[in-house]
Amino acid sequence: DNSGLPISRIYEEAAALLHLSLDDLEIEMKK
């Protein structure tokens, strides 16, 4: 959105909450 955070930081937090590896989360988000 309008934050200054890098999208990679959002991914890291989301992966932790979903108990997924970062690579697996990237695959799911691309789908």
ModelCIF file with pLDDT and N, C-alpha, C, O atoms, coordinates in Angstrom:
data_MODEL
#
_entry.id   MODEL 
#
_entity.id                         1 
_entity.type                       polymer 
_entity.pdbx_number_of_molecules   1 
#
_entity_poly.entity_id                      1 
_entity_poly.type                           'polypeptide(L)' 
_entity_poly.nstd_linkage                   no 
_entity_poly.nstd_monomer                   no 
_entity_poly.pdbx_seq_one_letter_code       DNSGLPISRIYEEAAALLHLSLDDLEIEMKK 
_entity_poly.pdbx_seq_one_letter_code_can   DNSGLPISRIYEEAAALLHLSLDDLEIEMKK 
_entity_poly.pdbx_strand_id                 A 
#
loop_
_entity_poly_seq.entity_id 
_entity_poly_seq.num 
_entity_poly_seq.mon_id 
_entity_poly_seq.hetero 
1 1  ASP n 
1 2  ASN n 
1 3  SER n 
1 4  GLY n 
1 5  LEU n 
1 6  PRO n 
1 7  ILE n 
1 8  SER n 
1 9  ARG n 
1 10 ILE n 
1 11 TYR n 
1 12 GLU n 
1 13 GLU n 
1 14 ALA n 
1 15 ALA n 
1 16 ALA n 
1 17 LEU n 
1 18 LEU n 
1 19 HIS n 
1 20 LEU n 
1 21 SER n 
1 22 LEU n 
1 23 ASP n 
1 24 ASP n 
1 25 LEU n 
1 26 GLU n 
1 27 ILE n 
1 28 GLU n 
1 29 MET n 
1 30 LYS n 
1 31 LYS n 
#
_struct_asym.id          A 
_struct_asym.entity_id   1 
#
loop_
_ma_qa_metric.id 
_ma_qa_metric.mode 
_ma_qa_metric.name 
_ma_qa_metric.software_group_id 
_ma_qa_metric.type 
1 global pLDDT . pLDDT 
2 local  pLDDT . pLDDT 
#
_ma_qa_metric_global.metric_id      1 
_ma_qa_metric_global.metric_value   97.03 
_ma_qa_metric_global.model_id       1 
_ma_qa_metric_global.ordinal_id     1 
#
loop_
_ma_qa_metric_local.label_asym_id 
_ma_qa_metric_local.label_comp_id 
_ma_qa_metric_local.label_seq_id 
_ma_qa_metric_local.metric_id 
_ma_qa_metric_local.metric_value 
_ma_qa_metric_local.model_id 
_ma_qa_metric_local.ordinal_id 
A ASP 1  2 97.00 1 1  
A ASN 2  2 94.00 1 2  
A SER 3  2 95.00 1 3  
A GLY 4  2 91.00 1 4  
A LEU 5  2 96.00 1 5  
A PRO 6  2 97.00 1 6  
A ILE 7  2 98.00 1 7  
A SER 8  2 97.00 1 8  
A ARG 9  2 97.00 1 9  
A ILE 10 2 98.00 1 10 
A TYR 11 2 98.00 1 11 
A GLU 12 2 98.00 1 12 
A GLU 13 2 97.00 1 13 
A ALA 14 2 98.00 1 14 
A ALA 15 2 98.00 1 15 
A ALA 16 2 97.00 1 16 
A LEU 17 2 97.00 1 17 
A LEU 18 2 96.00 1 18 
A HIS 19 2 96.00 1 19 
A LEU 20 2 97.00 1 20 
A SER 21 2 98.00 1 21 
A LEU 22 2 98.00 1 22 
A ASP 23 2 97.00 1 23 
A ASP 24 2 98.00 1 24 
A LEU 25 2 98.00 1 25 
A GLU 26 2 98.00 1 26 
A ILE 27 2 98.00 1 27 
A GLU 28 2 98.00 1 28 
A MET 29 2 98.00 1 29 
A LYS 30 2 97.00 1 30 
A LYS 31 2 98.00 1 31 
#
loop_
_atom_site.group_PDB 
_atom_site.id 
_atom_site.type_symbol 
_atom_site.label_atom_id 
_atom_site.label_alt_id 
_atom_site.label_comp_id 
_atom_site.label_asym_id 
_atom_site.label_entity_id 
_atom_site.label_seq_id 
_atom_site.pdbx_PDB_ins_code 
_atom_site.Cartn_x 
_atom_site.Cartn_y 
_atom_site.Cartn_z 
_atom_site.occupancy 
_atom_site.B_iso_or_equiv 
_atom_site.pdbx_formal_charge 
_atom_site.auth_seq_id 
_atom_site.auth_comp_id 
_atom_site.auth_asym_id 
_atom_site.auth_atom_id 
_atom_site.pdbx_PDB_model_num 
ATOM 1   N N  . ASP A 1 1  ? 0.856  -1.198  0.000  1.00 97.00 ? 1  ASP A N  1 
ATOM 2   C CA . ASP A 1 1  ? 0.000  0.000   0.000  1.00 97.00 ? 1  ASP A CA 1 
ATOM 3   C C  . ASP A 1 1  ? 0.890  1.245   0.000  1.00 97.00 ? 1  ASP A C  1 
ATOM 4   O O  . ASP A 1 1  ? 1.750  1.384   -0.870 1.00 97.00 ? 1  ASP A O  1 
ATOM 5   N N  . ASN A 1 2  ? 0.699  2.144   0.954  1.00 94.00 ? 2  ASN A N  1 
ATOM 6   C CA . ASN A 1 2  ? 1.503  3.376   0.984  1.00 94.00 ? 2  ASN A CA 1 
ATOM 7   C C  . ASN A 1 2  ? 2.592  3.337   2.053  1.00 94.00 ? 2  ASN A C  1 
ATOM 8   O O  . ASN A 1 2  ? 3.173  4.372   2.382  1.00 94.00 ? 2  ASN A O  1 
ATOM 9   N N  . SER A 1 3  ? 2.870  2.166   2.593  1.00 95.00 ? 3  SER A N  1 
ATOM 10  C CA . SER A 1 3  ? 3.904  2.047   3.625  1.00 95.00 ? 3  SER A CA 1 
ATOM 11  C C  . SER A 1 3  ? 5.288  2.049   2.973  1.00 95.00 ? 3  SER A C  1 
ATOM 12  O O  . SER A 1 3  ? 5.418  1.886   1.760  1.00 95.00 ? 3  SER A O  1 
ATOM 13  N N  . GLY A 1 4  ? 6.291  2.231   3.782  1.00 91.00 ? 4  GLY A N  1 
ATOM 14  C CA . GLY A 1 4  ? 7.660  2.182   3.281  1.00 91.00 ? 4  GLY A CA 1 
ATOM 15  C C  . GLY A 1 4  ? 8.303  0.821   3.443  1.00 91.00 ? 4  GLY A C  1 
ATOM 16  O O  . GLY A 1 4  ? 9.491  0.652   3.166  1.00 91.00 ? 4  GLY A O  1 
ATOM 17  N N  . LEU A 1 5  ? 7.516  -0.159  3.896  1.00 96.00 ? 5  LEU A N  1 
ATOM 18  C CA . LEU A 1 5  ? 8.065  -1.489  4.125  1.00 96.00 ? 5  LEU A CA 1 
ATOM 19  C C  . LEU A 1 5  ? 8.348  -2.196  2.804  1.00 96.00 ? 5  LEU A C  1 
ATOM 20  O O  . LEU A 1 5  ? 7.578  -2.049  1.854  1.00 96.00 ? 5  LEU A O  1 
ATOM 21  N N  . PRO A 1 6  ? 9.418  -2.948  2.726  1.00 97.00 ? 6  PRO A N  1 
ATOM 22  C CA . PRO A 1 6  ? 9.630  -3.788  1.538  1.00 97.00 ? 6  PRO A CA 1 
ATOM 23  C C  . PRO A 1 6  ? 8.639  -4.941  1.543  1.00 97.00 ? 6  PRO A C  1 
ATOM 24  O O  . PRO A 1 6  ? 8.277  -5.446  2.606  1.00 97.00 ? 6  PRO A O  1 
ATOM 25  N N  . ILE A 1 7  ? 8.202  -5.358  0.371  1.00 98.00 ? 7  ILE A N  1 
ATOM 26  C CA . ILE A 1 7  ? 7.227  -6.448  0.290  1.00 98.00 ? 7  ILE A CA 1 
ATOM 27  C C  . ILE A 1 7  ? 7.806  -7.730  0.870  1.00 98.00 ? 7  ILE A C  1 
ATOM 28  O O  . ILE A 1 7  ? 7.059  -8.577  1.360  1.00 98.00 ? 7  ILE A O  1 
ATOM 29  N N  . SER A 1 8  ? 9.123  -7.887  0.823  1.00 97.00 ? 8  SER A N  1 
ATOM 30  C CA . SER A 1 8  ? 9.749  -9.096  1.386  1.00 97.00 ? 8  SER A CA 1 
ATOM 31  C C  . SER A 1 8  ? 9.481  -9.198  2.886  1.00 97.00 ? 8  SER A C  1 
ATOM 32  O O  . SER A 1 8  ? 9.356  -10.299 3.424  1.00 97.00 ? 8  SER A O  1 
ATOM 33  N N  . ARG A 1 9  ? 9.393  -8.052  3.559  1.00 97.00 ? 9  ARG A N  1 
ATOM 34  C CA . ARG A 1 9  ? 9.122  -8.076  5.012  1.00 97.00 ? 9  ARG A CA 1 
ATOM 35  C C  . ARG A 1 9  ? 7.693  -8.550  5.284  1.00 97.00 ? 9  ARG A C  1 
ATOM 36  O O  . ARG A 1 9  ? 7.454  -9.278  6.247  1.00 97.00 ? 9  ARG A O  1 
ATOM 37  N N  . ILE A 1 10 ? 6.748  -8.142  4.442  1.00 98.00 ? 10 ILE A N  1 
ATOM 38  C CA . ILE A 1 10 ? 5.362  -8.607  4.577  1.00 98.00 ? 10 ILE A CA 1 
ATOM 39  C C  . ILE A 1 10 ? 5.314  -10.122 4.355  1.00 98.00 ? 10 ILE A C  1 
ATOM 40  O O  . ILE A 1 10 ? 4.621  -10.841 5.075  1.00 98.00 ? 10 ILE A O  1 
ATOM 41  N N  . TYR A 1 11 ? 6.053  -10.593 3.355  1.00 98.00 ? 11 TYR A N  1 
ATOM 42  C CA . TYR A 1 11 ? 6.086  -12.030 3.070  1.00 98.00 ? 11 TYR A CA 1 
ATOM 43  C C  . TYR A 1 11 ? 6.640  -12.810 4.253  1.00 98.00 ? 11 TYR A C  1 
ATOM 44  O O  . TYR A 1 11 ? 6.110  -13.866 4.603  1.00 98.00 ? 11 TYR A O  1 
ATOM 45  N N  . GLU A 1 12 ? 7.692  -12.305 4.867  1.00 98.00 ? 12 GLU A N  1 
ATOM 46  C CA . GLU A 1 12 ? 8.301  -13.009 5.997  1.00 98.00 ? 12 GLU A CA 1 
ATOM 47  C C  . GLU A 1 12 ? 7.296  -13.173 7.136  1.00 98.00 ? 12 GLU A C  1 
ATOM 48  O O  . GLU A 1 12 ? 7.196  -14.240 7.742  1.00 98.00 ? 12 GLU A O  1 
ATOM 49  N N  . GLU A 1 13 ? 6.558  -12.106 7.416  1.00 97.00 ? 13 GLU A N  1 
ATOM 50  C CA . GLU A 1 13 ? 5.574  -12.170 8.503  1.00 97.00 ? 13 GLU A CA 1 
ATOM 51  C C  . GLU A 1 13 ? 4.429  -13.107 8.139  1.00 97.00 ? 13 GLU A C  1 
ATOM 52  O O  . GLU A 1 13 ? 3.974  -13.893 8.970  1.00 97.00 ? 13 GLU A O  1 
ATOM 53  N N  . ALA A 1 14 ? 3.964  -13.019 6.887  1.00 98.00 ? 14 ALA A N  1 
ATOM 54  C CA . ALA A 1 14 ? 2.871  -13.882 6.444  1.00 98.00 ? 14 ALA A CA 1 
ATOM 55  C C  . ALA A 1 14 ? 3.274  -15.346 6.484  1.00 98.00 ? 14 ALA A C  1 
ATOM 56  O O  . ALA A 1 14 ? 2.483  -16.194 6.897  1.00 98.00 ? 14 ALA A O  1 
ATOM 57  N N  . ALA A 1 15 ? 4.494  -15.651 6.060  1.00 98.00 ? 15 ALA A N  1 
ATOM 58  C CA . ALA A 1 15 ? 4.970  -17.037 6.070  1.00 98.00 ? 15 ALA A CA 1 
ATOM 59  C C  . ALA A 1 15 ? 4.997  -17.597 7.491  1.00 98.00 ? 15 ALA A C  1 
ATOM 60  O O  . ALA A 1 15 ? 4.627  -18.748 7.720  1.00 98.00 ? 15 ALA A O  1 
ATOM 61  N N  . ALA A 1 16 ? 5.436  -16.777 8.435  1.00 97.00 ? 16 ALA A N  1 
ATOM 62  C CA . ALA A 1 16 ? 5.476  -17.219 9.825  1.00 97.00 ? 16 ALA A CA 1 
ATOM 63  C C  . ALA A 1 16 ? 4.074  -17.497 10.361 1.00 97.00 ? 16 ALA A C  1 
ATOM 64  O O  . ALA A 1 16 ? 3.855  -18.492 11.051 1.00 97.00 ? 16 ALA A O  1 
ATOM 65  N N  . LEU A 1 17 ? 3.128  -16.617 10.042 1.00 97.00 ? 17 LEU A N  1 
ATOM 66  C CA . LEU A 1 17 ? 1.754  -16.789 10.527 1.00 97.00 ? 17 LEU A CA 1 
ATOM 67  C C  . LEU A 1 17 ? 1.091  -18.012 9.914  1.00 97.00 ? 17 LEU A C  1 
ATOM 68  O O  . LEU A 1 17 ? 0.271  -18.662 10.563 1.00 97.00 ? 17 LEU A O  1 
ATOM 69  N N  . LEU A 1 18 ? 1.435  -18.331 8.677  1.00 96.00 ? 18 LEU A N  1 
ATOM 70  C CA . LEU A 1 18 ? 0.823  -19.462 7.983  1.00 96.00 ? 18 LEU A CA 1 
ATOM 71  C C  . LEU A 1 18 ? 1.606  -20.758 8.150  1.00 96.00 ? 18 LEU A C  1 
ATOM 72  O O  . LEU A 1 18 ? 1.188  -21.810 7.667  1.00 96.00 ? 18 LEU A O  1 
ATOM 73  N N  . HIS A 1 19 ? 2.758  -20.678 8.845  1.00 96.00 ? 19 HIS A N  1 
ATOM 74  C CA . HIS A 1 19 ? 3.630  -21.848 9.054  1.00 96.00 ? 19 HIS A CA 1 
ATOM 75  C C  . HIS A 1 19 ? 4.070  -22.435 7.713  1.00 96.00 ? 19 HIS A C  1 
ATOM 76  O O  . HIS A 1 19 ? 4.052  -23.650 7.512  1.00 96.00 ? 19 HIS A O  1 
ATOM 77  N N  . LEU A 1 20 ? 4.464  -21.546 6.801  1.00 97.00 ? 20 LEU A N  1 
ATOM 78  C CA . LEU A 1 20 ? 4.971  -21.939 5.493  1.00 97.00 ? 20 LEU A CA 1 
ATOM 79  C C  . LEU A 1 20 ? 6.396  -21.430 5.331  1.00 97.00 ? 20 LEU A C  1 
ATOM 80  O O  . LEU A 1 20 ? 6.784  -20.443 5.956  1.00 97.00 ? 20 LEU A O  1 
ATOM 81  N N  . SER A 1 21 ? 7.165  -22.098 4.498  1.00 98.00 ? 21 SER A N  1 
ATOM 82  C CA . SER A 1 21 ? 8.467  -21.554 4.142  1.00 98.00 ? 21 SER A CA 1 
ATOM 83  C C  . SER A 1 21 ? 8.247  -20.367 3.218  1.00 98.00 ? 21 SER A C  1 
ATOM 84  O O  . SER A 1 21 ? 7.192  -20.251 2.596  1.00 98.00 ? 21 SER A O  1 
ATOM 85  N N  . LEU A 1 22 ? 9.224  -19.496 3.125  1.00 98.00 ? 22 LEU A N  1 
ATOM 86  C CA . LEU A 1 22 ? 9.115  -18.334 2.244  1.00 98.00 ? 22 LEU A CA 1 
ATOM 87  C C  . LEU A 1 22 ? 8.957  -18.777 0.790  1.00 98.00 ? 22 LEU A C  1 
ATOM 88  O O  . LEU A 1 22 ? 8.187  -18.178 0.040  1.00 98.00 ? 22 LEU A O  1 
ATOM 89  N N  . ASP A 1 23 ? 9.672  -19.808 0.397  1.00 97.00 ? 23 ASP A N  1 
ATOM 90  C CA . ASP A 1 23 ? 9.569  -20.313 -0.974 1.00 97.00 ? 23 ASP A CA 1 
ATOM 91  C C  . ASP A 1 23 ? 8.163  -20.826 -1.266 1.00 97.00 ? 23 ASP A C  1 
ATOM 92  O O  . ASP A 1 23 ? 7.609  -20.551 -2.331 1.00 97.00 ? 23 ASP A O  1 
ATOM 93  N N  . ASP A 1 24 ? 7.592  -21.560 -0.336 1.00 98.00 ? 24 ASP A N  1 
ATOM 94  C CA . ASP A 1 24 ? 6.242  -22.089 -0.533 1.00 98.00 ? 24 ASP A CA 1 
ATOM 95  C C  . ASP A 1 24 ? 5.214  -20.964 -0.596 1.00 98.00 ? 24 ASP A C  1 
ATOM 96  O O  . ASP A 1 24 ? 4.265  -21.022 -1.378 1.00 98.00 ? 24 ASP A O  1 
ATOM 97  N N  . LEU A 1 25 ? 5.413  -19.939 0.232  1.00 98.00 ? 25 LEU A N  1 
ATOM 98  C CA . LEU A 1 25 ? 4.480  -18.809 0.205  1.00 98.00 ? 25 LEU A CA 1 
ATOM 99  C C  . LEU A 1 25 ? 4.567  -18.076 -1.133 1.00 98.00 ? 25 LEU A C  1 
ATOM 100 O O  . LEU A 1 25 ? 3.545  -17.670 -1.686 1.00 98.00 ? 25 LEU A O  1 
ATOM 101 N N  . GLU A 1 26 ? 5.771  -17.908 -1.647 1.00 98.00 ? 26 GLU A N  1 
ATOM 102 C CA . GLU A 1 26 ? 5.933  -17.262 -2.951 1.00 98.00 ? 26 GLU A CA 1 
ATOM 103 C C  . GLU A 1 26 ? 5.175  -18.022 -4.037 1.00 98.00 ? 26 GLU A C  1 
ATOM 104 O O  . GLU A 1 26 ? 4.552  -17.412 -4.906 1.00 98.00 ? 26 GLU A O  1 
ATOM 105 N N  . ILE A 1 27 ? 5.228  -19.335 -3.986 1.00 98.00 ? 27 ILE A N  1 
ATOM 106 C CA . ILE A 1 27 ? 4.519  -20.158 -4.964 1.00 98.00 ? 27 ILE A CA 1 
ATOM 107 C C  . ILE A 1 27 ? 3.016  -19.944 -4.851 1.00 98.00 ? 27 ILE A C  1 
ATOM 108 O O  . ILE A 1 27 ? 2.328  -19.793 -5.860 1.00 98.00 ? 27 ILE A O  1 
ATOM 109 N N  . GLU A 1 28 ? 2.509  -19.930 -3.629 1.00 98.00 ? 28 GLU A N  1 
ATOM 110 C CA . GLU A 1 28 ? 1.075  -19.741 -3.416 1.00 98.00 ? 28 GLU A CA 1 
ATOM 111 C C  . GLU A 1 28 ? 0.617  -18.354 -3.864 1.00 98.00 ? 28 GLU A C  1 
ATOM 112 O O  . GLU A 1 28 ? -0.450 -18.214 -4.461 1.00 98.00 ? 28 GLU A O  1 
ATOM 113 N N  . MET A 1 29 ? 1.417  -17.334 -3.579 1.00 98.00 ? 29 MET A N  1 
ATOM 114 C CA . MET A 1 29 ? 1.028  -15.975 -3.954 1.00 98.00 ? 29 MET A CA 1 
ATOM 115 C C  . MET A 1 29 ? 1.050  -15.787 -5.468 1.00 98.00 ? 29 MET A C  1 
ATOM 116 O O  . MET A 1 29 ? 0.250  -15.031 -6.019 1.00 98.00 ? 29 MET A O  1 
ATOM 117 N N  . LYS A 1 30 ? 1.970  -16.480 -6.135 1.00 97.00 ? 30 LYS A N  1 
ATOM 118 C CA . LYS A 1 30 ? 1.991  -16.385 -7.600 1.00 97.00 ? 30 LYS A CA 1 
ATOM 119 C C  . LYS A 1 30 ? 0.744  -17.038 -8.190 1.00 97.00 ? 30 LYS A C  1 
ATOM 120 O O  . LYS A 1 30 ? 0.159  -16.512 -9.137 1.00 97.00 ? 30 LYS A O  1 
ATOM 121 N N  . LYS A 1 31 ? 0.335  -18.175 -7.642 1.00 98.00 ? 31 LYS A N  1 
ATOM 122 C CA . LYS A 1 31 ? -0.901 -18.824 -8.093 1.00 98.00 ? 31 LYS A CA 1 
ATOM 123 C C  . LYS A 1 31 ? -2.086 -17.869 -7.949 1.00 98.00 ? 31 LYS A C  1 
ATOM 124 O O  . LYS A 1 31 ? -3.215 -18.233 -8.277 1.00 98.00 ? 31 LYS A O  1 
#
